[in-house]
Amino acid sequence: MLDRSDRDATHPGAARHRGRAARPRGTAEATGPRPRRRLFPSPSLTRRILAINLLVLAVPLGGFAFLGEYRAGLIEAELEALRVQGRIFAGAVAGGAVFTAPGFGQRVDPLAGGQILLRLVEPMGMRARLFDPEGELIADTRLLAAPRGIVRIEELPAPDAGERGLLDIVADAIVNVLPGGHDLPPYIESRPASIADYPEAVAALEGLIASMARRSHGSIVLSVAVPVQRYRQVVGAMMLTSGGEGIERAMYAVRLDILRISAVALAVTIMLSLYLAATIARPLQRLAAAAERVRRGFGQGVEIPDFTHRNDEVGELSRDLRAMTSALRARMDAIERFAADVAHEIKNPLTSLRSAVETVARVDDPAQQRQLMRIIVDDVGRLDRLISDISDASRLDAELAREQAEKVDIDHLLSTLIEVFEATLPAGAARLALDLPTAAAPGALSVQAIDERIGQVFRNVIVNALSFSPPGGVITVVTRRATGGDGRDAVRVTIDDEGPGMPEANLDSIFRRFYSDRPTSGPGADGGRFGTHSGLGLSISRQIVEAFGGTIRAENRRHPDGHIAGARFVVELPAA
């Protein structure tokens, strides 16, 4: 069988160390401090979800901030109704209780005025007071004179606080701490009554209609003062006072509705937050636990939870972690196989060296001793080359991961490479021919890669072709723009030789590591000497090409009659 894989023809710069080889499983680097276990899955994430969702409660609770405006509107509506009633009541007093007193002019009869107001306000549960032009209280519906004495009519007390529900108490507490909860002045009723305590009554004696809203023992007290006029003369002031029970009931109903909505929103928010945390935090914890077991060196037996059925970010994370773990396992298996292959490849020459060393100590013939020493030196040199190739292959992944890809002109790279080969090839060896498209635009044959690594690929393939080409043969290098297998634009480079070709069964095997089955005679023969070809060159080439998203393959060229005309290597890289 013919071998198409020679040792890596690396340049001197490729020998520098660029990274450590990957550590196998179970090493100290794979272990570390075990993360602290928590009772609940990802509590910090759960708290954050809950805190963000609780911000939604600011919408219904924000209604408390507008209760002041709502209350002010209710108060103004009640005061407007009182003003209308006050004008009607003042007109009734002016028409039925004003008389002319000699020497005093028009005056209000206290008894008649009080009786009129009593009949008017009693069905409405309000209180009315009359003040004369001097500001003296002359009638009060709470104190009515009767033939049998004084009858005192007391207003009903406010509803018992014990009848109020918990939500109302909580709502009051919230309202009291908000701005505007105590913006009403206190209601003061002195003994004896003084008009100075009621600015609205003072304004009514000046011919104005005035109103006030006050707070007394937690309740709203509304009052309106209207001038009592007879023939455009102000003969007194009437003040109507009403409790704000309607306003309090309306405010209570609104506060209760807000708190009910807030309570329902709070319950729904908590349940949704816990559900959301369970659908996000718990899968993440399971994925993290599986990743930790993989990190601690149990990757072969760890199954990453499968959430790929979820069409969300958690499903994408699960899919990527599963793919990463599979790639990691494949990488670990490849490292183990590589280590086994290295041990096998080195064991044979070491055995040969040991045998030669033991033999040379027992041989007395100087000629045989010199022959054995030449074998020892030759094998040691070839063993050194093999170890160098193995070292370069093991560092390749780390170098490709660290270095930054850039735009590489393939035509310029191949032209320079062929010039170097032509200057160093011995006389009679195969010659190289480069075929570039004549109408190619500048940069049309460019790829995104690392210049020295792509150059290493073409060096390996050309050196391999030279080793199989007969003396005087021609190696043709053709570069063209093409369409890759994925439909994208690509740069295709074909390298044809005139060697014996390859067995069809080995077209893919030649890219395996340490594949080195070469003939003992003819083009490509190595005379059976160990180490001349390590079998890593084409394997490294495929690794480099695939790292840049390209492909490399081998095939046979044939004559029209079907006989093999030589080998062909095709390298395709995505166009820049």
Protein backbone atom coordinates (compact mmCIF):
# COMPACT_ATOMS: atom_id res chain seq x y z
CA MET A 1 0.00 0.00 0.00
CA LEU A 2 1.14 3.52 -0.67
CA ASP A 3 1.40 6.17 2.08
CA ARG A 4 0.33 9.74 1.28
CA SER A 5 1.16 11.23 4.68
CA ASP A 6 4.69 12.41 5.34
CA ARG A 7 5.98 14.08 8.41
CA ASP A 8 5.11 17.72 9.10
CA ALA A 9 7.37 20.00 7.06
CA THR A 10 7.16 22.78 9.60
CA HIS A 11 9.02 26.07 9.43
CA PRO A 12 11.43 27.01 12.24
CA GLY A 13 8.99 29.45 13.82
CA ALA A 14 6.40 26.73 14.27
CA ALA A 15 8.54 25.07 16.93
CA ARG A 16 8.05 27.78 19.54
CA HIS A 17 5.78 26.86 22.43
CA ARG A 18 2.42 28.55 22.22
CA GLY A 19 0.36 26.78 24.88
CA ARG A 20 0.00 23.82 27.13
CA ALA A 21 -1.45 20.55 26.01
CA ALA A 22 -4.92 19.80 27.32
CA ARG A 23 -4.94 18.02 30.64
CA PRO A 24 -6.66 14.64 30.82
CA ARG A 25 -9.52 14.01 33.15
CA GLY A 26 -8.91 13.51 36.82
CA THR A 27 -5.92 15.84 37.09
CA ALA A 28 -5.58 18.40 39.86
CA GLU A 29 -6.58 21.15 37.49
CA ALA A 30 -10.00 19.54 37.02
CA THR A 31 -10.77 19.79 40.73
CA GLY A 32 -11.43 22.77 42.92
CA PRO A 33 -13.50 24.00 45.82
CA ARG A 34 -17.00 22.63 45.69
CA PRO A 35 -19.52 25.47 45.39
CA ARG A 36 -21.83 26.10 48.33
CA ARG A 37 -25.12 24.27 48.05
CA ARG A 38 -28.28 26.24 48.65
CA LEU A 39 -31.58 25.12 50.06
CA PHE A 40 -33.58 26.77 47.28
CA PRO A 41 -32.56 27.00 43.61
CA SER A 42 -30.74 30.20 42.76
CA PRO A 43 -32.27 32.37 45.53
CA SER A 44 -30.61 35.52 44.28
CA LEU A 45 -32.22 35.06 40.86
CA THR A 46 -35.56 34.27 42.51
CA ARG A 47 -35.34 37.40 44.63
CA ARG A 48 -34.52 39.50 41.62
CA ILE A 49 -37.44 38.12 39.64
CA LEU A 50 -39.77 38.69 42.60
CA ALA A 51 -38.46 42.22 43.19
CA ILE A 52 -38.89 43.19 39.55
CA ASN A 53 -42.40 41.75 39.38
CA LEU A 54 -43.39 43.46 42.63
CA LEU A 55 -42.70 46.77 40.92
CA VAL A 56 -45.96 46.12 39.08
CA LEU A 57 -47.73 46.75 42.39
CA ALA A 58 -46.62 50.36 42.14
CA VAL A 59 -49.38 50.83 39.54
CA PRO A 60 -52.39 50.10 41.80
CA LEU A 61 -50.68 51.41 44.94
CA GLY A 62 -49.87 54.56 43.04
CA GLY A 63 -53.59 55.25 43.16
CA PHE A 64 -53.14 56.34 46.78
CA ALA A 65 -51.05 59.24 45.54
CA PHE A 66 -54.09 60.51 43.64
CA LEU A 67 -56.56 60.11 46.49
CA GLY A 68 -55.86 63.68 47.55
CA GLU A 69 -57.04 65.00 44.20
CA TYR A 70 -60.02 62.67 44.27
CA ARG A 71 -60.98 63.84 47.76
CA ALA A 72 -60.55 67.50 46.77
CA GLY A 73 -62.98 66.93 43.90
CA LEU A 74 -65.54 65.34 46.20
CA ILE A 75 -65.18 68.16 48.71
CA GLU A 76 -65.64 70.81 46.03
CA ALA A 77 -68.76 69.04 44.76
CA GLU A 78 -70.23 68.91 48.28
CA LEU A 79 -69.38 72.56 48.91
CA GLU A 80 -71.04 73.58 45.68
CA ALA A 81 -74.21 71.77 46.75
CA LEU A 82 -74.02 73.51 50.14
CA ARG A 83 -73.63 76.89 48.47
CA VAL A 84 -76.81 76.31 46.46
CA GLN A 85 -78.67 75.23 49.56
CA GLY A 86 -77.23 78.13 51.53
CA ARG A 87 -78.53 80.69 49.05
CA ILE A 88 -81.98 79.10 49.22
CA PHE A 89 -82.02 79.02 53.03
CA ALA A 90 -80.69 82.58 53.29
CA GLY A 91 -83.45 83.74 50.94
CA ALA A 92 -86.08 81.99 53.10
CA VAL A 93 -84.75 83.69 56.25
CA ALA A 94 -84.62 87.07 54.52
CA GLY A 95 -88.21 86.67 53.34
CA GLY A 96 -89.75 85.35 56.60
CA ALA A 97 -87.65 86.47 59.54
CA VAL A 98 -86.47 90.05 58.79
CA PHE A 99 -88.31 92.98 60.37
CA THR A 100 -87.72 96.70 60.74
CA ALA A 101 -86.77 97.86 64.22
CA PRO A 102 -87.25 101.53 65.01
CA GLY A 103 -83.90 103.18 65.35
CA PHE A 104 -82.04 100.04 64.28
CA GLY A 105 -83.22 99.43 60.74
CA GLN A 106 -83.73 95.95 59.36
CA ARG A 107 -82.96 93.10 61.73
CA VAL A 108 -83.31 89.32 61.75
CA ASP A 109 -85.78 87.87 64.23
CA PRO A 110 -83.72 85.18 66.01
CA LEU A 111 -86.66 83.00 66.96
CA ALA A 112 -88.37 83.14 63.56
CA GLY A 113 -85.07 82.70 61.70
CA GLY A 114 -84.09 79.75 63.87
CA GLN A 115 -87.42 78.02 63.35
CA ILE A 116 -87.23 78.50 59.58
CA LEU A 117 -83.71 77.07 59.45
CA LEU A 118 -84.62 74.20 61.76
CA ARG A 119 -87.43 73.09 59.46
CA LEU A 120 -85.10 73.36 56.47
CA VAL A 121 -81.99 71.58 57.79
CA GLU A 122 -83.52 68.99 60.08
CA PRO A 123 -84.39 66.51 57.28
CA MET A 124 -80.87 66.85 55.87
CA GLY A 125 -78.97 66.35 59.12
CA MET A 126 -77.14 69.66 58.77
CA ARG A 127 -76.51 72.48 61.20
CA ALA A 128 -77.36 76.16 60.57
CA ARG A 129 -76.27 79.25 62.48
CA LEU A 130 -77.30 82.90 62.19
CA PHE A 131 -75.02 85.83 62.98
CA ASP A 132 -76.21 89.45 63.24
CA PRO A 133 -74.30 92.29 61.55
CA GLU A 134 -72.18 92.71 64.69
CA GLY A 135 -71.04 89.06 64.53
CA GLU A 136 -73.08 87.80 67.45
CA LEU A 137 -74.58 84.32 67.23
CA ILE A 138 -78.35 84.79 67.34
CA ALA A 139 -79.63 81.35 66.30
CA ASP A 140 -78.23 77.83 66.23
CA THR A 141 -80.26 74.83 65.14
CA ARG A 142 -78.48 72.74 67.78
CA LEU A 143 -79.88 75.02 70.48
CA LEU A 144 -83.54 75.82 69.99
CA ALA A 145 -85.64 77.87 72.48
CA ALA A 146 -89.00 76.41 73.38
CA PRO A 147 -91.71 77.33 75.90
CA ARG A 148 -90.64 74.43 78.10
CA GLY A 149 -86.99 75.38 78.08
CA ILE A 150 -83.93 74.52 76.14
CA VAL A 151 -83.98 71.49 73.84
CA ARG A 152 -80.50 70.30 72.82
CA ILE A 153 -80.21 68.41 69.55
CA GLU A 154 -76.92 66.53 69.29
CA GLU A 155 -75.47 65.24 66.03
CA LEU A 156 -75.00 61.51 65.82
CA PRO A 157 -71.45 60.38 66.58
CA ALA A 158 -69.19 59.08 63.88
CA PRO A 159 -69.38 55.35 63.13
CA ASP A 160 -67.59 53.16 65.62
CA ALA A 161 -64.04 52.53 64.57
CA GLY A 162 -64.44 48.93 65.62
CA GLU A 163 -66.83 48.39 62.71
CA ARG A 164 -64.16 49.31 60.20
CA GLY A 165 -62.30 46.52 58.51
CA LEU A 166 -58.58 45.79 58.51
CA LEU A 167 -58.19 46.96 54.92
CA ASP A 168 -59.72 50.33 55.83
CA ILE A 169 -57.35 50.72 58.78
CA VAL A 170 -54.39 49.85 56.55
CA ALA A 171 -55.62 52.24 53.88
CA ASP A 172 -55.98 55.03 56.42
CA ALA A 173 -52.45 54.39 57.63
CA ILE A 174 -51.16 54.61 54.05
CA VAL A 175 -53.15 57.77 53.35
CA ASN A 176 -51.94 59.41 56.54
CA VAL A 177 -48.29 59.00 55.57
CA LEU A 178 -48.85 60.33 52.05
CA PRO A 179 -48.63 64.03 51.27
CA GLY A 180 -52.04 65.68 51.65
CA GLY A 181 -53.30 63.38 54.41
CA HIS A 182 -53.34 66.26 56.94
CA ASP A 183 -53.76 69.28 54.69
CA LEU A 184 -57.18 70.34 56.11
CA PRO A 185 -57.25 72.86 58.99
CA PRO A 186 -58.78 71.73 62.29
CA TYR A 187 -62.36 72.51 63.15
CA ILE A 188 -62.60 74.69 66.30
CA GLU A 189 -65.77 75.47 68.20
CA SER A 190 -65.17 77.77 71.16
CA ARG A 191 -67.45 78.53 74.09
CA PRO A 192 -69.02 81.02 73.74
CA ALA A 193 -69.21 80.88 69.95
CA SER A 194 -67.20 83.57 68.17
CA ILE A 195 -67.52 84.55 64.54
CA ALA A 196 -63.76 85.03 64.50
CA ASP A 197 -63.38 81.24 64.46
CA TYR A 198 -65.16 81.10 61.08
CA PRO A 199 -63.52 83.22 58.35
CA GLU A 200 -66.25 82.23 55.93
CA ALA A 201 -68.94 83.84 58.19
CA VAL A 202 -66.87 87.03 58.42
CA ALA A 203 -66.74 87.09 54.62
CA ALA A 204 -70.52 86.56 54.43
CA LEU A 205 -71.13 89.71 56.55
CA GLU A 206 -69.19 91.53 53.85
CA GLY A 207 -71.60 90.27 51.21
CA LEU A 208 -69.57 87.30 49.98
CA ILE A 209 -70.34 83.59 49.76
CA ALA A 210 -67.49 81.68 51.31
CA SER A 211 -66.83 78.02 52.15
CA MET A 212 -64.33 75.98 54.18
CA ALA A 213 -63.40 72.32 54.63
CA ARG A 214 -61.97 71.29 57.98
CA ARG A 215 -61.07 68.13 59.82
CA SER A 216 -62.46 67.21 63.22
CA HIS A 217 -61.41 64.01 65.01
CA GLY A 218 -60.55 62.31 61.71
CA SER A 219 -63.76 63.37 59.96
CA ILE A 220 -64.33 66.09 57.36
CA VAL A 221 -66.53 69.07 58.29
CA LEU A 222 -67.85 71.26 55.45
CA SER A 223 -69.25 74.75 55.98
CA VAL A 224 -70.69 77.47 53.74
CA ALA A 225 -71.54 81.03 54.83
CA VAL A 226 -74.08 83.06 52.81
CA PRO A 227 -75.09 86.70 53.46
CA VAL A 228 -78.74 87.29 54.50
CA GLN A 229 -79.82 90.31 52.44
CA ARG A 230 -82.99 92.37 52.38
CA TYR A 231 -83.24 95.04 49.69
CA ARG A 232 -79.50 94.63 49.02
CA GLN A 233 -78.73 95.26 52.66
CA VAL A 234 -76.78 92.62 54.57
CA VAL A 235 -78.76 91.99 57.72
CA GLY A 236 -76.82 88.91 58.86
CA ALA A 237 -74.89 85.84 57.90
CA MET A 238 -76.12 82.28 57.76
CA MET A 239 -73.60 79.42 58.05
CA LEU A 240 -74.47 75.87 57.03
CA THR A 241 -72.32 73.02 58.41
CA SER A 242 -72.42 69.45 57.12
CA GLY A 243 -70.45 66.33 57.93
CA GLY A 244 -68.37 64.64 55.23
CA GLU A 245 -69.80 61.16 55.74
CA GLY A 246 -70.52 60.81 52.02
CA ILE A 247 -66.99 61.80 51.18
CA GLU A 248 -65.61 59.39 53.78
CA ARG A 249 -67.73 56.57 52.40
CA ALA A 250 -66.58 57.29 48.87
CA MET A 251 -62.96 57.48 49.98
CA TYR A 252 -63.36 54.26 51.93
CA ALA A 253 -64.81 52.48 48.89
CA VAL A 254 -61.95 53.71 46.66
CA ARG A 255 -59.28 52.77 49.19
CA LEU A 256 -60.86 49.37 49.65
CA ASP A 257 -60.93 48.78 45.90
CA ILE A 258 -57.29 49.81 45.58
CA LEU A 259 -56.23 47.49 48.37
CA ARG A 260 -58.27 44.62 47.00
CA ILE A 261 -56.70 45.06 43.57
CA SER A 262 -53.26 45.35 45.18
CA ALA A 263 -53.82 42.21 47.26
CA VAL A 264 -54.93 40.22 44.21
CA ALA A 265 -52.01 41.65 42.18
CA LEU A 266 -49.61 40.75 45.01
CA ALA A 267 -50.84 37.15 45.14
CA VAL A 268 -50.71 36.77 41.36
CA THR A 269 -47.29 38.41 41.23
CA ILE A 270 -45.84 36.11 43.87
CA MET A 271 -47.24 33.01 42.19
CA LEU A 272 -46.03 34.10 38.75
CA SER A 273 -42.63 35.04 40.16
CA LEU A 274 -42.23 31.66 41.82
CA TYR A 275 -43.36 29.94 38.63
CA LEU A 276 -40.96 32.02 36.56
CA ALA A 277 -38.14 31.33 38.99
CA ALA A 278 -38.90 27.63 38.84
CA THR A 279 -38.91 27.58 35.04
CA ILE A 280 -35.65 29.54 34.85
CA ALA A 281 -33.67 29.10 38.06
CA ARG A 282 -34.26 25.38 38.60
CA PRO A 283 -33.23 24.33 35.06
CA LEU A 284 -30.19 26.57 35.36
CA GLN A 285 -29.28 24.91 38.65
CA ARG A 286 -29.58 21.48 37.08
CA LEU A 287 -27.40 22.56 34.16
CA ALA A 288 -24.87 24.10 36.55
CA ALA A 289 -24.76 20.94 38.68
CA ALA A 290 -24.17 18.79 35.61
CA ALA A 291 -21.46 21.18 34.38
CA GLU A 292 -19.83 20.96 37.81
CA ARG A 293 -19.77 17.16 37.68
CA VAL A 294 -18.19 17.35 34.25
CA ARG A 295 -15.62 19.84 35.57
CA ARG A 296 -14.75 17.58 38.48
CA GLY A 297 -13.76 14.82 36.12
CA PHE A 298 -16.88 12.70 35.77
CA GLY A 299 -17.77 13.81 32.26
CA GLN A 300 -18.06 10.35 30.74
CA GLY A 301 -20.95 9.35 33.00
CA VAL A 302 -22.71 12.71 33.24
CA GLU A 303 -25.83 13.38 31.20
CA ILE A 304 -26.56 17.06 30.62
CA PRO A 305 -30.30 17.73 31.18
CA ASP A 306 -32.12 18.06 27.89
CA PHE A 307 -34.27 21.20 27.68
CA THR A 308 -34.00 21.57 23.92
CA HIS A 309 -37.77 21.14 23.61
CA ARG A 310 -38.11 24.59 25.16
CA ASN A 311 -38.00 27.25 22.49
CA ASP A 312 -36.24 29.78 24.69
CA GLU A 313 -32.81 30.76 25.99
CA VAL A 314 -32.74 27.92 28.52
CA GLY A 315 -33.30 25.45 25.68
CA GLU A 316 -30.50 27.06 23.68
CA LEU A 317 -28.19 26.90 26.70
CA SER A 318 -29.03 23.23 27.23
CA ARG A 319 -28.38 22.45 23.57
CA ASP A 320 -25.06 24.31 23.59
CA LEU A 321 -23.95 22.66 26.86
CA ARG A 322 -24.81 19.23 25.49
CA ALA A 323 -22.90 19.98 22.30
CA MET A 324 -19.97 21.36 24.30
CA THR A 325 -19.91 18.29 26.53
CA SER A 326 -20.01 15.98 23.52
CA ALA A 327 -17.16 17.91 21.96
CA LEU A 328 -15.27 17.76 25.25
CA ARG A 329 -15.75 14.01 25.47
CA ALA A 330 -14.63 13.61 21.88
CA ARG A 331 -11.62 15.78 22.62
CA MET A 332 -10.75 13.75 25.71
CA ASP A 333 -11.09 10.52 23.72
CA ALA A 334 -8.89 11.98 20.99
CA ILE A 335 -6.27 12.93 23.58
CA GLU A 336 -6.34 9.43 25.01
CA ARG A 337 -6.01 7.89 21.55
CA PHE A 338 -3.25 10.34 20.72
CA ALA A 339 -1.38 9.43 23.90
CA ALA A 340 -1.76 5.73 23.11
CA ASP A 341 -0.58 6.26 19.52
CA VAL A 342 2.42 8.27 20.72
CA ALA A 343 3.36 5.55 23.18
CA HIS A 344 3.08 2.93 20.44
CA GLU A 345 5.09 4.96 17.91
CA ILE A 346 7.88 5.66 20.40
CA LYS A 347 7.99 2.19 21.91
CA ASN A 348 9.24 0.53 18.72
CA PRO A 349 12.30 2.77 18.20
CA LEU A 350 13.09 2.65 21.89
CA THR A 351 13.05 -1.14 21.70
CA SER A 352 15.35 -1.00 18.67
CA LEU A 353 17.68 1.42 20.44
CA ARG A 354 17.81 -0.75 23.54
CA SER A 355 18.63 -3.80 21.45
CA ALA A 356 21.38 -1.95 19.59
CA VAL A 357 22.89 -0.58 22.80
CA GLU A 358 22.89 -4.03 24.43
CA THR A 359 24.40 -5.59 21.30
CA VAL A 360 27.18 -3.04 20.88
CA ALA A 361 28.48 -3.82 24.37
CA ARG A 362 28.89 -7.50 23.45
CA VAL A 363 30.43 -7.09 19.98
CA ASP A 364 34.22 -6.95 19.74
CA ASP A 365 34.48 -6.31 16.01
CA PRO A 366 35.19 -2.55 15.53
CA ALA A 367 33.43 -2.53 12.17
CA GLN A 368 30.24 -4.00 13.68
CA GLN A 369 30.46 -1.58 16.58
CA ARG A 370 30.68 1.38 14.21
CA GLN A 371 27.71 0.04 12.25
CA LEU A 372 25.65 -0.31 15.42
CA MET A 373 26.63 3.18 16.56
CA ARG A 374 25.50 4.60 13.20
CA ILE A 375 22.17 2.82 13.67
CA ILE A 376 21.85 4.23 17.19
CA VAL A 377 22.66 7.79 16.08
CA ASP A 378 20.32 7.51 13.08
CA ASP A 379 17.44 6.18 15.20
CA VAL A 380 17.96 8.82 17.88
CA GLY A 381 17.81 11.56 15.23
CA ARG A 382 14.63 10.14 13.74
CA LEU A 383 13.13 9.75 17.22
CA ASP A 384 13.90 13.41 17.85
CA ARG A 385 12.10 14.39 14.64
CA LEU A 386 9.09 12.29 15.63
CA ILE A 387 8.91 13.92 19.06
CA SER A 388 9.15 17.38 17.44
CA ASP A 389 6.24 16.53 15.14
CA ILE A 390 4.21 15.19 18.07
CA SER A 391 4.92 18.32 20.08
CA ASP A 392 3.83 20.58 17.22
CA ALA A 393 0.63 18.57 16.71
CA SER A 394 -0.27 18.74 20.41
CA ARG A 395 0.24 22.53 20.54
CA LEU A 396 -1.71 23.25 17.37
CA ASP A 397 -5.16 23.67 18.96
CA ALA A 398 -3.88 26.15 21.54
CA GLU A 399 -2.07 28.19 18.89
CA LEU A 400 -5.10 28.35 16.60
CA ALA A 401 -7.31 29.45 19.52
CA ARG A 402 -4.98 32.30 20.56
CA GLU A 403 -3.87 33.75 17.24
CA GLN A 404 -6.08 36.23 15.38
CA ALA A 405 -7.11 35.34 11.84
CA GLU A 406 -6.48 37.95 9.16
CA LYS A 407 -6.89 38.37 5.42
CA VAL A 408 -4.42 36.18 3.49
CA ASP A 409 -3.81 36.44 -0.29
CA ILE A 410 -3.56 32.83 -1.45
CA ASP A 411 -2.08 33.76 -4.83
CA HIS A 412 0.75 35.72 -3.23
CA LEU A 413 1.32 33.01 -0.59
CA LEU A 414 1.58 30.21 -3.18
CA SER A 415 3.80 32.27 -5.49
CA THR A 416 6.26 32.91 -2.66
CA LEU A 417 6.13 29.29 -1.48
CA ILE A 418 6.80 27.89 -4.96
CA GLU A 419 9.73 30.27 -5.44
CA VAL A 420 11.28 28.94 -2.21
CA PHE A 421 10.79 25.32 -3.30
CA GLU A 422 12.27 25.94 -6.75
CA ALA A 423 15.33 27.57 -5.20
CA THR A 424 15.98 24.61 -2.85
CA LEU A 425 15.00 21.56 -4.93
CA PRO A 426 17.91 19.46 -6.20
CA ALA A 427 18.56 19.02 -9.88
CA GLY A 428 16.43 16.39 -11.55
CA ALA A 429 13.64 16.60 -8.97
CA ALA A 430 10.04 17.26 -9.86
CA ARG A 431 9.23 20.83 -10.75
CA LEU A 432 6.29 23.02 -9.67
CA ALA A 433 3.84 24.90 -11.89
CA LEU A 434 1.41 27.52 -10.54
CA ASP A 435 -1.80 28.25 -12.44
CA LEU A 436 -3.59 31.43 -11.31
CA PRO A 437 -6.70 32.97 -12.95
CA THR A 438 -5.64 35.73 -15.31
CA ALA A 439 -8.78 37.85 -14.85
CA ALA A 440 -8.95 37.64 -11.08
CA ALA A 441 -9.53 40.97 -9.35
CA PRO A 442 -7.10 42.04 -6.60
CA GLY A 443 -7.96 40.22 -3.38
CA ALA A 444 -10.35 37.81 -5.12
CA LEU A 445 -8.29 34.85 -3.90
CA SER A 446 -8.16 35.93 -0.25
CA VAL A 447 -9.23 33.95 2.81
CA GLN A 448 -9.56 34.72 6.51
CA ALA A 449 -6.87 32.68 8.19
CA ILE A 450 -3.40 32.73 9.79
CA ASP A 451 -0.73 33.22 7.16
CA GLU A 452 1.94 30.90 8.55
CA ARG A 453 -0.51 28.09 9.32
CA ILE A 454 -2.09 28.11 5.86
CA GLY A 455 1.43 28.19 4.44
CA GLN A 456 2.20 25.13 6.57
CA VAL A 457 -0.77 23.29 4.99
CA PHE A 458 0.43 23.91 1.44
CA ARG A 459 4.03 23.07 2.39
CA ASN A 460 2.93 19.72 3.81
CA VAL A 461 0.88 18.85 0.73
CA ILE A 462 3.58 19.95 -1.73
CA VAL A 463 6.33 18.10 0.16
CA ASN A 464 4.09 15.02 0.19
CA ALA A 465 3.53 15.37 -3.58
CA LEU A 466 7.28 15.82 -4.19
CA SER A 467 8.03 12.63 -2.24
CA PHE A 468 5.75 10.65 -4.54
CA SER A 469 6.62 12.34 -7.85
CA PRO A 470 9.10 10.69 -10.19
CA PRO A 471 12.24 12.61 -11.21
CA GLY A 472 11.35 15.26 -13.78
CA GLY A 473 7.65 15.08 -12.96
CA VAL A 474 5.42 18.13 -12.76
CA ILE A 475 3.38 19.21 -9.72
CA THR A 476 0.60 21.57 -10.81
CA VAL A 477 -0.94 24.02 -8.36
CA VAL A 478 -4.24 25.55 -9.55
CA THR A 479 -6.12 28.29 -7.66
CA ARG A 480 -9.66 29.36 -8.52
CA ARG A 481 -12.76 30.96 -6.98
CA ALA A 482 -15.49 28.37 -6.47
CA THR A 483 -18.68 27.65 -4.60
CA GLY A 484 -18.17 25.63 -1.43
CA GLY A 485 -20.29 22.75 -0.23
CA ASP A 486 -22.35 25.12 1.94
CA GLY A 487 -23.12 27.40 -1.02
CA ARG A 488 -20.76 30.18 0.05
CA ASP A 489 -17.95 31.64 -2.04
CA ALA A 490 -14.69 29.79 -1.54
CA VAL A 491 -11.11 29.69 -2.73
CA ARG A 492 -10.18 26.27 -4.11
CA VAL A 493 -6.58 25.12 -4.46
CA THR A 494 -5.81 21.81 -6.24
CA ILE A 495 -2.35 20.21 -6.13
CA ASP A 496 -1.79 17.49 -8.74
CA ASP A 497 1.22 15.18 -8.95
CA GLU A 498 2.28 12.46 -11.38
CA GLY A 499 2.94 9.81 -8.76
CA PRO A 500 1.43 6.35 -8.37
CA GLY A 501 -1.77 7.63 -6.77
CA MET A 502 -3.51 6.13 -3.75
CA PRO A 503 -5.61 3.05 -3.04
CA GLU A 504 -9.25 4.08 -3.06
CA ALA A 505 -9.77 2.56 0.39
CA ASN A 506 -7.11 4.86 1.89
CA LEU A 507 -8.28 8.23 0.54
CA ASP A 508 -9.49 9.26 3.99
CA SER A 509 -7.14 7.16 6.11
CA ILE A 510 -4.12 9.16 4.98
CA PHE A 511 -5.34 12.07 7.12
CA ARG A 512 -5.20 10.00 10.30
CA ARG A 513 -2.40 10.56 12.76
CA PHE A 514 0.66 8.31 12.42
CA TYR A 515 -0.61 6.81 9.17
CA SER A 516 2.67 5.90 7.47
CA ASP A 517 2.42 2.94 5.13
CA ARG A 518 4.88 3.75 2.32
CA PRO A 519 6.37 1.51 -0.36
CA THR A 520 9.94 0.27 -0.06
CA SER A 521 10.80 1.14 -3.67
CA GLY A 522 9.82 3.63 -6.31
CA PRO A 523 8.44 7.16 -5.72
CA GLY A 524 7.57 7.71 -2.07
CA ALA A 525 9.75 4.92 -0.75
CA ASP A 526 11.63 5.49 2.52
CA GLY A 527 13.72 2.34 2.45
CA GLY A 528 11.93 1.05 5.52
CA ARG A 529 13.79 3.45 7.76
CA PHE A 530 11.89 4.45 10.87
CA GLY A 531 11.15 8.16 11.44
CA THR A 532 11.63 9.44 7.90
CA HIS A 533 7.89 10.09 7.74
CA SER A 534 6.01 10.41 11.02
CA GLY A 535 2.52 10.32 9.48
CA LEU A 536 1.48 13.62 11.07
CA GLY A 537 1.82 16.08 8.19
CA LEU A 538 -1.55 15.54 6.52
CA SER A 539 -3.30 15.11 9.87
CA ILE A 540 -2.01 18.52 10.97
CA SER A 541 -3.03 20.00 7.61
CA ARG A 542 -6.62 18.81 7.98
CA GLN A 543 -6.75 20.15 11.54
CA ILE A 544 -5.61 23.59 10.38
CA VAL A 545 -7.96 23.74 7.38
CA GLU A 546 -11.00 22.71 9.42
CA ALA A 547 -10.12 25.28 12.09
CA PHE A 548 -10.68 27.99 9.46
CA GLY A 549 -13.95 26.49 8.22
CA GLY A 550 -12.49 24.76 5.17
CA THR A 551 -12.09 21.22 3.87
CA ILE A 552 -9.24 19.13 2.49
CA ARG A 553 -9.64 15.88 0.58
CA ALA A 554 -7.63 13.53 -1.59
CA GLU A 555 -8.54 11.78 -4.84
CA ASN A 556 -6.90 10.06 -7.80
CA ARG A 557 -6.46 11.55 -11.25
CA ARG A 558 -7.06 9.14 -14.09
CA HIS A 559 -6.18 8.86 -17.74
CA PRO A 560 -8.95 8.48 -20.29
CA ASP A 561 -8.29 4.74 -20.26
CA GLY A 562 -8.99 4.61 -16.51
CA HIS A 563 -5.44 4.14 -15.28
CA ILE A 564 -4.26 6.34 -12.38
CA ALA A 565 -2.40 9.43 -13.60
CA GLY A 566 -1.45 10.69 -10.15
CA ALA A 567 -2.88 12.05 -6.93
CA ARG A 568 -4.83 15.25 -6.37
CA PHE A 569 -5.32 17.18 -3.14
CA VAL A 570 -8.15 19.75 -2.99
CA VAL A 571 -8.13 22.48 -0.34
CA GLU A 572 -11.20 24.74 -0.03
CA LEU A 573 -11.35 27.75 2.28
CA PRO A 574 -14.18 30.30 2.68
CA ALA A 575 -13.41 33.43 0.67
CA ALA A 576 -12.72 36.57 2.71
